[in-house]
């Protein structure tokens, strides 16, 4: 089987059947591999890369694929979906306190990382300055999916998770601009011109992303769609609109899609759990397709000469550039050294660097294949080293925290009745367990109308004691809908005395 550019035979139904069979088998293997990666602590991206390599020309599949242009296009599309899914899952109440620190890591931290890594690539490995700068820019972007795929089992302080998540969402935009600038044919004469272009593109992308996100969330909250399955589709369409609008306006489309998705994710949209699950599924599909394609693009037997340069550059990045950028950026914020240590080690590289390494290949930069091979080896080797050790390091630094499980609340608008029906699931770790219905102290205009317990539903009384595993139906009028959800979440976190003992009922409820 060969996948190459140029004139090919038209796709027939027979070819379509073969393609569907191969793709479905690959997806099933990739889904099964997630369980293996979760047990071993390795990010699933390595498993997907391995599947692609096994299918490639040096593997059992003998698929010969060498289209960097197609890989870049598909990679960009996948990154849009991944950033949208990440933005939808970003909690504003966790990101807001660390927004200045995350922004510093995404901007100043990238500059420090590029400078240190490029210097190591030039002086220690002997690459030309242009190639060194491209590699420094390519590997300076962290990957949220890789980081949290190994940290999801450890509840970290919100300051750490918020900073890492926001940094990963923000730093893709300036890094893409830098890689494109360094890969362009013309020389960069003035650094301040490049800096001005970066600031302008980020400003345009941020403005468009926030505007599209706000307009989209307003529309979805005020227009009741005829089917619940349309809400996830509409949310993802709005996120992609933000990317396309930002890119066409010569701004940062990646920043636009992340910010728009973050606005949508914190707007308490109808049927939110279904929307979140749909986005998460698309995110997994994008990761699987992207990494399998990248595994196909790489030629393993050509990597031998680039292993040592990759190890040297990766060592400088991991042990010098990343820690230095964290220390420099977080110094004004007085972040404890334990958190700085974890954030320094948590700078995992994943999808973004390998995708960005295709840009110089498309632009025809001298030595672009060497750049791609170095980045590929660096990402694989240092992910193998950092991934399994991240949970161990977090435990050694004593950065775990004990928190009550958050409630799962789904909202369905009752447009003609001017109200909302809230479906509330009480998880095992919720402090709502043992609270009486009357002790919820819901605002006037909201009431618990039904409780489903062990498959049996009944209308509760004020003295009915709620238990873990219960599902509640709460009816709330439009004016008190947000207040009712805030109160429910507060009780889930702090118990019946929430509010009296200082438990915060946050405005965003997330």
Protein backbone atom coordinates (compact mmCIF):
# COMPACT_ATOMS: atom_id res chain seq x y z
CA UNK A 1 0.00 0.00 0.00
CA UNK A 2 1.46 3.36 -1.03
CA UNK A 3 0.41 6.87 -0.08
CA UNK A 4 2.29 9.38 -2.19
CA UNK A 5 1.71 12.74 -3.79
CA UNK A 6 0.93 12.97 -7.45
CA UNK A 7 -1.63 11.46 -9.77
CA UNK A 8 -3.29 8.41 -8.25
CA UNK A 9 -6.10 6.14 -9.31
CA UNK A 10 -9.58 7.40 -8.38
CA UNK A 11 -11.02 6.13 -5.12
CA UNK A 12 -13.54 3.36 -5.73
CA UNK A 13 -16.04 1.74 -3.38
CA UNK A 14 -13.68 -1.23 -3.04
CA UNK A 15 -10.83 1.05 -2.01
CA UNK A 16 -13.19 2.81 0.40
CA UNK A 17 -14.10 -0.50 2.02
CA UNK A 18 -10.42 -1.36 2.48
CA UNK A 19 -9.69 2.07 3.92
CA UNK A 20 -12.60 1.87 6.35
CA UNK A 21 -11.47 -1.57 7.51
CA UNK A 22 -7.90 -0.43 8.13
CA UNK A 23 -8.97 2.78 9.89
CA UNK A 24 -11.46 1.00 12.13
CA UNK A 25 -8.89 -1.62 13.17
CA UNK A 26 -6.32 1.10 13.90
CA UNK A 27 -8.86 2.99 16.02
CA UNK A 28 -9.79 -0.12 17.98
CA UNK A 29 -6.12 -0.95 18.64
CA UNK A 30 -5.47 2.66 19.67
CA UNK A 31 -8.44 2.68 22.06
CA UNK A 32 -7.29 -0.57 23.63
CA UNK A 33 -3.78 0.86 23.94
CA UNK A 34 -5.06 3.70 26.12
CA UNK A 35 -5.56 1.21 28.95
CA UNK A 36 -1.97 0.05 28.59
CA UNK A 37 -0.64 3.60 28.62
CA UNK A 38 -2.73 4.54 31.66
CA UNK A 39 -1.35 1.60 33.65
CA UNK A 40 2.26 2.22 32.63
CA UNK A 41 2.13 5.99 33.10
CA UNK A 42 3.26 6.63 29.52
CA UNK A 43 1.42 9.21 27.42
CA UNK A 44 -0.70 7.51 24.81
CA UNK A 45 0.99 9.52 22.06
CA UNK A 46 3.92 7.08 22.14
CA UNK A 47 1.57 4.16 21.54
CA UNK A 48 -0.03 5.94 18.58
CA UNK A 49 3.38 6.82 17.14
CA UNK A 50 4.34 3.17 17.49
CA UNK A 51 1.23 2.10 15.57
CA UNK A 52 2.14 4.50 12.76
CA UNK A 53 5.74 3.29 12.64
CA UNK A 54 4.57 -0.34 12.60
CA UNK A 55 2.33 0.46 9.63
CA UNK A 56 5.10 2.37 7.82
CA UNK A 57 7.68 1.35 5.26
CA UNK A 58 10.03 -0.06 7.92
CA UNK A 59 7.21 -1.93 9.64
CA UNK A 60 4.84 -4.75 8.88
CA UNK A 61 2.36 -2.56 7.01
CA UNK A 62 4.82 -1.37 4.33
CA UNK A 63 2.85 1.86 3.82
CA UNK A 64 5.15 4.38 2.13
CA UNK A 65 4.08 7.89 3.04
CA UNK A 66 6.22 10.99 2.52
CA UNK A 67 3.83 13.94 2.16
CA UNK A 68 4.92 16.62 4.62
CA UNK A 69 2.31 19.00 3.18
CA UNK A 70 -0.58 16.61 3.88
CA UNK A 71 0.81 15.87 7.33
CA UNK A 72 0.98 19.58 8.12
CA UNK A 73 -2.60 20.21 6.95
CA UNK A 74 -4.04 17.26 8.86
CA UNK A 75 -1.87 18.14 11.86
CA UNK A 76 -3.17 21.71 11.94
CA UNK A 77 -6.77 20.45 11.74
CA UNK A 78 -6.10 17.98 14.57
CA UNK A 79 -4.48 20.70 16.70
CA UNK A 80 -7.58 22.86 16.28
CA UNK A 81 -9.72 20.04 17.68
CA UNK A 82 -7.25 19.28 20.49
CA UNK A 83 -7.03 22.94 21.53
CA UNK A 84 -10.82 23.23 21.39
CA UNK A 85 -11.21 20.20 23.64
CA UNK A 86 -8.57 21.56 26.01
CA UNK A 87 -10.23 24.97 26.16
CA UNK A 88 -13.64 23.44 26.88
CA UNK A 89 -12.15 21.58 29.83
CA UNK A 90 -10.26 24.57 31.26
CA UNK A 91 -11.86 25.85 34.46
CA UNK A 92 -11.76 29.62 34.64
CA UNK A 93 -11.70 29.65 38.44
CA UNK A 94 -8.43 27.67 38.34
CA UNK A 95 -6.84 29.63 35.50
CA UNK A 96 -7.81 33.14 36.62
CA UNK A 97 -5.45 33.39 39.63
CA UNK A 98 -2.48 32.08 37.63
CA UNK A 99 -3.21 33.85 34.34
CA UNK A 100 -0.27 36.31 34.66
CA UNK A 101 2.13 33.48 35.50
CA UNK A 102 0.84 31.29 32.65
CA UNK A 103 1.08 34.20 30.20
CA UNK A 104 4.67 34.84 31.28
CA UNK A 105 5.53 31.17 30.76
CA UNK A 106 3.89 31.20 27.32
CA UNK A 107 5.71 34.35 26.14
CA UNK A 108 8.86 35.08 28.13
CA UNK A 109 9.34 31.39 28.88
CA UNK A 110 9.24 30.56 25.18
CA UNK A 111 11.83 33.25 24.44
CA UNK A 112 14.19 31.92 27.12
CA UNK A 113 13.69 28.35 25.96
CA UNK A 114 14.34 29.22 22.31
CA UNK A 115 17.52 31.12 23.16
CA UNK A 116 19.02 28.44 25.40
CA UNK A 117 18.04 25.48 23.18
CA UNK A 118 19.17 27.16 19.96
CA UNK A 119 22.53 28.03 21.54
CA UNK A 120 22.99 24.39 22.59
CA UNK A 121 22.06 23.18 19.10
CA UNK A 122 24.56 25.57 17.51
CA UNK A 123 27.54 25.32 19.86
CA UNK A 124 27.21 21.72 21.08
CA UNK A 125 25.78 19.99 18.01
CA UNK A 126 27.17 22.25 15.30
CA UNK A 127 23.93 23.15 13.51
CA UNK A 128 23.68 26.37 11.53
CA UNK A 129 22.00 29.23 13.37
CA UNK A 130 18.87 29.04 11.22
CA UNK A 131 18.44 25.33 11.87
CA UNK A 132 19.26 25.81 15.55
CA UNK A 133 16.67 28.57 15.94
CA UNK A 134 14.02 26.46 14.20
CA UNK A 135 14.67 23.53 16.52
CA UNK A 136 14.70 25.85 19.55
CA UNK A 137 11.33 27.28 18.56
CA UNK A 138 9.80 23.93 17.62
CA UNK A 139 10.56 22.21 20.95
CA UNK A 140 9.72 25.20 23.16
CA UNK A 141 5.99 24.41 23.12
CA UNK A 142 4.58 22.17 25.84
CA UNK A 143 1.72 19.75 25.25
CA UNK A 144 -1.29 19.73 27.59
CA UNK A 145 -2.51 16.32 26.42
CA UNK A 146 0.85 14.71 27.16
CA UNK A 147 1.18 16.39 30.57
CA UNK A 148 -2.25 15.56 31.91
CA UNK A 149 -2.41 12.06 30.46
CA UNK A 150 0.14 11.07 33.12
CA UNK A 151 -1.01 13.46 35.86
CA UNK A 152 -4.73 12.76 35.69
CA UNK A 153 -4.44 10.20 38.49
CA UNK A 154 -2.90 12.71 40.93
CA UNK A 155 -5.00 15.67 42.18
CA UNK A 156 -2.51 18.55 42.11
CA UNK A 157 -2.99 22.04 43.57
CA UNK A 158 -5.12 24.19 41.31
CA UNK A 159 -2.29 26.70 40.91
CA UNK A 160 -0.08 24.05 39.30
CA UNK A 161 -2.74 22.50 37.06
CA UNK A 162 -4.11 25.89 36.07
CA UNK A 163 -0.69 27.26 35.15
CA UNK A 164 0.35 24.17 33.18
CA UNK A 165 -2.97 23.97 31.35
CA UNK A 166 -3.09 27.66 30.45
CA UNK A 167 0.58 27.68 29.42
CA UNK A 168 0.03 24.72 27.10
CA UNK A 169 -2.97 26.44 25.52
CA UNK A 170 -1.27 29.82 25.15
CA UNK A 171 2.25 28.94 24.01
CA UNK A 172 1.25 27.21 20.77
CA UNK A 173 0.40 30.56 19.18
CA UNK A 174 3.75 32.41 19.58
CA UNK A 175 5.70 29.23 18.80
CA UNK A 176 3.88 28.74 15.47
CA UNK A 177 4.65 32.36 14.55
CA UNK A 178 8.33 31.91 15.41
CA UNK A 179 8.71 28.66 13.47
CA UNK A 180 7.06 30.14 10.38
CA UNK A 181 9.27 33.26 10.62
CA UNK A 182 12.50 31.26 11.04
CA UNK A 183 11.50 28.94 8.17
CA UNK A 184 10.68 31.74 5.72
CA UNK A 185 13.01 32.39 2.80
CA UNK A 186 13.84 35.98 3.70
CA UNK A 187 16.16 36.93 6.57
CA UNK A 188 14.87 38.48 9.78
CA UNK A 189 16.52 41.90 9.79
CA UNK A 190 15.09 43.45 12.95
CA UNK A 191 14.03 41.48 16.03
CA UNK A 192 11.62 44.21 17.13
CA UNK A 193 9.67 43.85 13.87
CA UNK A 194 9.21 40.14 14.57
CA UNK A 195 8.19 40.93 18.15
CA UNK A 196 5.64 43.46 16.90
CA UNK A 197 4.19 40.90 14.48
CA UNK A 198 3.86 38.36 17.27
CA UNK A 199 2.10 40.84 19.57
CA UNK A 200 -0.26 41.95 16.77
CA UNK A 201 -1.19 38.41 15.76
CA UNK A 202 -1.78 37.39 19.36
CA UNK A 203 -3.93 40.49 19.98
CA UNK A 204 -6.05 39.82 16.87
CA UNK A 205 -6.46 36.16 17.76
CA UNK A 206 -7.38 36.92 21.37
CA UNK A 207 -9.97 39.54 20.38
CA UNK A 208 -11.62 37.29 17.79
CA UNK A 209 -11.55 34.25 20.08
CA UNK A 210 -13.18 36.07 23.00
CA UNK A 211 -15.77 37.69 20.74
CA UNK A 212 -16.72 34.45 18.97
CA UNK A 213 -16.84 32.56 22.26
CA UNK A 214 -19.08 35.16 23.92
CA UNK A 215 -21.46 35.43 20.95
CA UNK A 216 -21.62 31.64 20.61
CA UNK A 217 -22.32 31.05 24.30
CA UNK A 218 -24.97 33.78 24.32
CA UNK A 219 -26.70 32.22 21.32
CA UNK A 220 -26.65 28.69 22.73
CA UNK A 221 -28.03 29.86 26.07
CA UNK A 222 -30.91 31.78 24.52
CA UNK A 223 -31.92 29.49 21.64
CA UNK A 224 -33.30 26.05 22.47
CA UNK A 225 -32.23 23.59 19.76
CA UNK A 226 -34.72 20.84 18.81
CA UNK A 227 -32.36 17.96 19.74
CA UNK A 228 -29.75 17.63 22.49
CA UNK A 229 -27.28 16.09 20.04
CA UNK A 230 -27.09 19.39 18.15
CA UNK A 231 -25.46 21.22 21.08
CA UNK A 232 -22.08 19.42 20.88
CA UNK A 233 -21.98 19.95 17.12
CA UNK A 234 -22.78 23.65 17.52
CA UNK A 235 -20.09 24.11 20.19
CA UNK A 236 -17.37 22.53 18.07
CA UNK A 237 -18.51 24.51 15.03
CA UNK A 238 -18.22 27.75 17.00
CA UNK A 239 -14.72 26.79 18.14
CA UNK A 240 -13.59 26.02 14.58
CA UNK A 241 -15.16 29.29 13.43
CA UNK A 242 -12.96 31.15 15.91
CA UNK A 243 -9.84 29.48 14.51
CA UNK A 244 -10.75 30.14 10.88
CA UNK A 245 -11.77 33.75 11.53
CA UNK A 246 -8.60 34.43 13.49
CA UNK A 247 -6.35 32.88 10.84
CA UNK A 248 -8.08 34.67 7.94
CA UNK A 249 -7.74 37.99 9.81
CA UNK A 250 -3.96 37.37 9.97
CA UNK A 251 -4.14 36.70 13.67
CA UNK A 252 -3.35 33.64 15.76
CA UNK A 253 -6.05 31.10 14.99
CA UNK A 254 -4.72 28.73 17.63
CA UNK A 255 -5.08 31.31 20.39
CA UNK A 256 -8.53 32.23 19.06
CA UNK A 257 -9.85 28.66 19.19
CA UNK A 258 -8.46 28.08 22.69
CA UNK A 259 -9.94 31.27 24.14
CA UNK A 260 -13.29 30.80 22.39
CA UNK A 261 -13.49 27.25 23.71
CA UNK A 262 -12.58 28.39 27.21
CA UNK A 263 -15.40 30.94 27.13
CA UNK A 264 -17.83 28.27 25.92
CA UNK A 265 -16.61 25.79 28.52
CA UNK A 266 -17.32 28.16 31.39
CA UNK A 267 -20.68 29.45 30.19
CA UNK A 268 -22.86 26.66 31.70
CA UNK A 269 -24.32 25.66 28.37
CA UNK A 270 -27.28 23.27 28.03
CA UNK A 271 -26.48 19.54 27.92
CA UNK A 272 -22.92 20.25 28.99
CA UNK A 273 -21.84 16.68 29.99
CA UNK A 274 -22.88 15.41 26.56
CA UNK A 275 -21.01 18.26 24.88
CA UNK A 276 -17.91 17.62 26.98
CA UNK A 277 -17.98 13.91 26.19
CA UNK A 278 -18.39 14.60 22.47
CA UNK A 279 -15.45 17.02 22.46
CA UNK A 280 -13.29 14.59 24.42
CA UNK A 281 -14.04 11.86 21.90
CA UNK A 282 -13.12 14.14 19.00
CA UNK A 283 -9.93 15.08 20.84
CA UNK A 284 -8.95 11.42 21.16
CA UNK A 285 -9.74 10.83 17.49
CA UNK A 286 -7.62 13.82 16.47
CA UNK A 287 -4.69 12.63 18.58
CA UNK A 288 -4.88 9.09 17.24
CA UNK A 289 -5.06 10.18 13.60
CA UNK A 290 -2.32 12.78 13.97
CA UNK A 291 0.22 10.57 15.74
CA UNK A 292 -0.40 7.58 13.49
CA UNK A 293 0.20 9.86 10.50
CA UNK A 294 3.39 11.21 12.07
CA UNK A 295 4.56 7.65 12.69
CA UNK A 296 3.98 6.93 9.02
CA UNK A 297 5.95 10.01 7.96
CA UNK A 298 9.09 9.16 9.91
CA UNK A 299 11.64 6.76 8.44
CA UNK A 300 13.17 4.82 11.37
CA UNK A 301 16.27 3.56 9.55
CA UNK A 302 17.28 7.18 8.86
CA UNK A 303 17.23 8.21 12.53
CA UNK A 304 20.56 6.68 13.54
CA UNK A 305 22.77 9.71 12.83
CA UNK A 306 20.38 12.06 14.64
CA UNK A 307 20.03 10.20 17.94
CA UNK A 308 23.05 11.77 19.65
CA UNK A 309 22.22 15.36 18.55
CA UNK A 310 18.65 14.83 19.75
CA UNK A 311 19.82 13.58 23.14
CA UNK A 312 22.21 16.53 23.57
CA UNK A 313 19.60 19.13 22.57
CA UNK A 314 16.94 17.41 24.69
CA UNK A 315 19.25 17.39 27.69
CA UNK A 316 19.87 21.12 27.34
CA UNK A 317 16.14 21.72 26.93
CA UNK A 318 15.08 19.56 29.88
CA UNK A 319 17.81 20.36 32.39
CA UNK A 320 18.63 23.99 31.52
CA UNK A 321 16.16 25.76 29.23
CA UNK A 322 12.89 24.62 30.85
CA UNK A 323 13.97 25.10 34.50
CA UNK A 324 15.53 28.48 33.69
CA UNK A 325 12.38 29.69 31.92
CA UNK A 326 10.21 28.56 34.86
CA UNK A 327 12.45 30.28 37.45
CA UNK A 328 12.68 33.52 35.44
CA UNK A 329 8.94 33.71 34.72
CA UNK A 330 7.67 32.69 38.17
CA UNK A 331 10.12 34.73 40.24
CA UNK A 332 7.74 37.74 40.58
CA UNK A 333 4.88 35.47 41.71
CA UNK A 334 6.63 33.81 44.68
CA UNK A 335 5.71 30.29 43.66
CA UNK A 336 7.08 27.65 46.10
CA UNK A 337 10.14 25.78 44.89
CA UNK A 338 8.28 22.46 45.00
CA UNK A 339 5.76 23.70 42.45
CA UNK A 340 8.50 25.23 40.31
CA UNK A 341 10.34 21.91 40.33
CA UNK A 342 7.29 19.97 39.17
CA UNK A 343 6.43 22.55 36.50
CA UNK A 344 10.01 22.40 35.24
CA UNK A 345 9.86 18.62 34.88
CA UNK A 346 6.30 18.70 33.49
CA UNK A 347 7.32 20.45 30.27
CA UNK A 348 6.40 17.44 28.14
CA UNK A 349 6.61 17.75 24.37
CA UNK A 350 4.04 15.98 22.28
CA UNK A 351 1.98 16.65 19.18
CA UNK A 352 2.85 20.29 18.56
CA UNK A 353 6.65 20.02 18.15
CA UNK A 354 6.45 17.14 15.67
CA UNK A 355 3.76 18.90 13.63
CA UNK A 356 5.74 22.15 13.66
CA UNK A 357 8.80 20.26 12.48
CA UNK A 358 6.99 19.71 9.17
CA UNK A 359 6.89 23.48 8.49
CA UNK A 360 10.57 23.76 7.47
CA UNK A 361 10.10 20.63 5.33
CA UNK A 362 7.25 22.29 3.46
CA UNK A 363 9.21 25.56 3.17
CA UNK A 364 12.21 23.72 1.74
CA UNK A 365 14.68 24.71 4.46
CA UNK A 366 18.12 23.12 4.09
CA UNK A 367 18.48 20.23 6.52
CA UNK A 368 14.73 20.13 7.23
CA UNK A 369 14.67 16.33 7.32
CA UNK A 370 17.43 16.37 9.91
CA UNK A 371 15.40 18.86 11.95
CA UNK A 372 12.34 16.60 11.79
CA UNK A 373 14.33 13.52 12.80
CA UNK A 374 15.98 15.30 15.75
CA UNK A 375 12.63 16.59 17.01
CA UNK A 376 11.03 13.16 16.60
CA UNK A 377 13.75 11.39 18.57
CA UNK A 378 13.81 14.11 21.23
CA UNK A 379 10.06 13.93 21.82
CA UNK A 380 10.00 10.13 22.02
CA UNK A 381 13.06 9.70 24.25
CA UNK A 382 12.33 12.44 26.75
CA UNK A 383 8.64 11.57 26.95
CA UNK A 384 9.72 8.04 27.87
CA UNK A 385 11.90 9.50 30.61
CA UNK A 386 9.65 12.25 31.96
CA UNK A 387 6.25 10.64 31.57
CA UNK A 388 6.53 7.73 34.02
CA UNK A 389 8.47 9.82 36.56
CA UNK A 390 6.01 12.73 36.79
CA UNK A 391 3.56 11.06 39.23
CA UNK A 392 6.49 9.84 41.34
CA UNK A 393 7.97 13.36 41.48
CA UNK A 394 4.61 14.88 42.41
CA UNK A 395 4.29 12.46 45.32
CA UNK A 396 7.87 13.09 46.47
CA UNK A 397 7.24 16.84 46.45
CA UNK A 398 4.00 16.25 48.40
CA UNK A 399 1.92 18.23 45.96
CA UNK A 400 -1.17 16.01 46.06
CA UNK A 401 -4.33 17.38 47.60
CA UNK A 402 -7.50 15.83 49.01
CA UNK A 403 -10.62 17.34 47.44
CA UNK A 404 -14.25 16.33 47.31
CA UNK A 405 -15.46 15.08 43.95
CA UNK A 406 -17.36 17.67 41.95
CA UNK A 407 -21.00 17.13 41.03
CA UNK A 408 -22.01 16.23 37.50
CA UNK A 409 -24.72 18.74 36.55
CA UNK A 410 -26.45 18.75 33.19
CA UNK A 411 -28.85 21.52 32.20
CA UNK A 412 -31.71 21.26 29.72
CA UNK A 413 -33.52 24.52 28.85
CA UNK A 414 -37.32 24.64 29.15
CA UNK A 415 -37.76 27.57 26.80
CA UNK A 416 -41.55 27.93 26.80
CA UNK A 417 -41.74 27.43 30.57
CA UNK A 418 -38.93 29.96 31.17
CA UNK A 419 -37.03 27.52 33.31
CA UNK A 420 -34.30 24.89 33.41
CA UNK A 421 -34.20 21.24 34.36
CA UNK A 422 -30.94 20.38 36.15
CA UNK A 423 -29.83 16.75 36.28
CA UNK A 424 -27.44 16.32 39.24
CA UNK A 425 -25.32 13.19 39.77
CA UNK A 426 -23.80 12.75 43.25
CA UNK A 427 -20.38 11.04 42.88
CA UNK A 428 -18.75 8.77 45.45
CA UNK A 429 -16.53 11.47 46.98
CA UNK A 430 -19.16 14.22 47.23
CA UNK A 431 -19.90 15.83 50.60
CA UNK A 432 -23.57 16.03 49.60
CA UNK A 433 -23.80 12.45 50.89
CA UNK A 434 -25.83 12.51 54.12
CA UNK A 435 -27.37 15.95 53.50
CA UNK A 436 -31.16 16.27 53.72
CA UNK A 437 -33.04 17.85 50.82
CA UNK A 438 -34.22 20.68 53.05
CA UNK A 439 -30.61 21.38 54.09
CA UNK A 440 -29.63 22.19 50.52
CA UNK A 441 -31.15 25.66 51.06
CA UNK A 442 -31.84 26.20 47.37
CA UNK A 443 -32.94 29.70 46.36
CA UNK A 444 -36.64 30.44 46.02
CA UNK A 445 -37.72 29.34 42.55
CA UNK A 446 -35.68 26.13 42.62
CA UNK A 447 -36.69 22.75 44.03
CA UNK A 448 -35.66 19.09 43.97
CA UNK A 449 -38.55 17.36 42.18
CA UNK A 450 -37.27 13.80 41.77
CA UNK A 451 -34.59 11.47 43.16
CA UNK A 452 -33.40 8.36 41.32
CA UNK A 453 -31.76 5.82 43.64
CA UNK A 454 -30.65 2.34 42.58
CA UNK A 455 -32.96 2.37 39.58
CA UNK A 456 -36.00 3.57 41.55
CA UNK A 457 -37.35 7.11 41.32
CA UNK A 458 -39.39 8.91 43.97
CA UNK A 459 -40.47 12.43 44.92
CA UNK A 460 -38.34 13.53 47.89
CA UNK A 461 -39.50 15.11 51.12
CA UNK A 462 -37.55 17.86 52.93
CA UNK A 463 -36.22 15.23 55.34
CA UNK A 464 -35.07 12.85 52.59
CA UNK A 465 -31.36 12.08 53.07
CA UNK A 466 -29.31 12.15 49.89
CA UNK A 467 -26.76 9.43 49.23
CA UNK A 468 -23.78 8.93 46.96
CA UNK A 469 -24.89 7.56 43.61
CA UNK A 470 -28.21 9.43 43.70
CA UNK A 471 -29.39 11.38 40.67
CA UNK A 472 -31.53 14.47 41.30
CA UNK A 473 -33.83 16.42 39.03
CA UNK A 474 -33.91 20.08 40.04
CA UNK A 475 -36.29 22.54 38.40
CA UNK A 476 -35.19 26.18 38.49
CA UNK A 477 -36.62 29.33 36.98
CA UNK A 478 -34.46 31.47 34.70
CA UNK A 479 -33.56 34.13 37.32
CA UNK A 480 -32.27 31.61 39.90
CA UNK A 481 -30.79 28.95 37.62
CA UNK A 482 -27.16 30.05 38.15
CA UNK A 483 -27.62 30.58 41.88
CA UNK A 484 -29.14 27.10 42.24
CA UNK A 485 -26.19 25.46 40.48
CA UNK A 486 -23.69 27.43 42.56
CA UNK A 487 -25.43 26.32 45.74
CA UNK A 488 -25.49 22.67 44.65
CA UNK A 489 -21.79 22.71 43.85
CA UNK A 490 -21.00 24.43 47.14
CA UNK A 491 -22.83 21.76 49.13
CA UNK A 492 -21.08 19.07 47.10
CA UNK A 493 -17.72 20.54 48.11
CA UNK A 494 -18.43 21.68 51.67
CA UNK A 495 -21.46 19.77 52.93
CA UNK A 496 -24.57 21.15 54.60
CA UNK A 497 -22.64 24.01 56.25
CA UNK A 498 -21.23 25.30 52.98
CA UNK A 499 -21.26 29.09 53.00
CA UNK A 500 -21.39 29.28 56.80
CA UNK A 501 -17.91 27.77 57.19
CA UNK A 502 -16.30 29.78 54.42
CA UNK A 503 -16.90 27.42 51.49
CA UNK A 504 -16.95 29.60 48.42
CA UNK A 505 -19.89 29.48 46.05
CA UNK A 506 -17.94 30.59 42.97
CA UNK A 507 -19.75 32.64 40.33
CA UNK A 508 -18.73 30.35 37.53
CA UNK A 509 -19.66 27.19 39.37
CA UNK A 510 -16.76 25.25 37.86
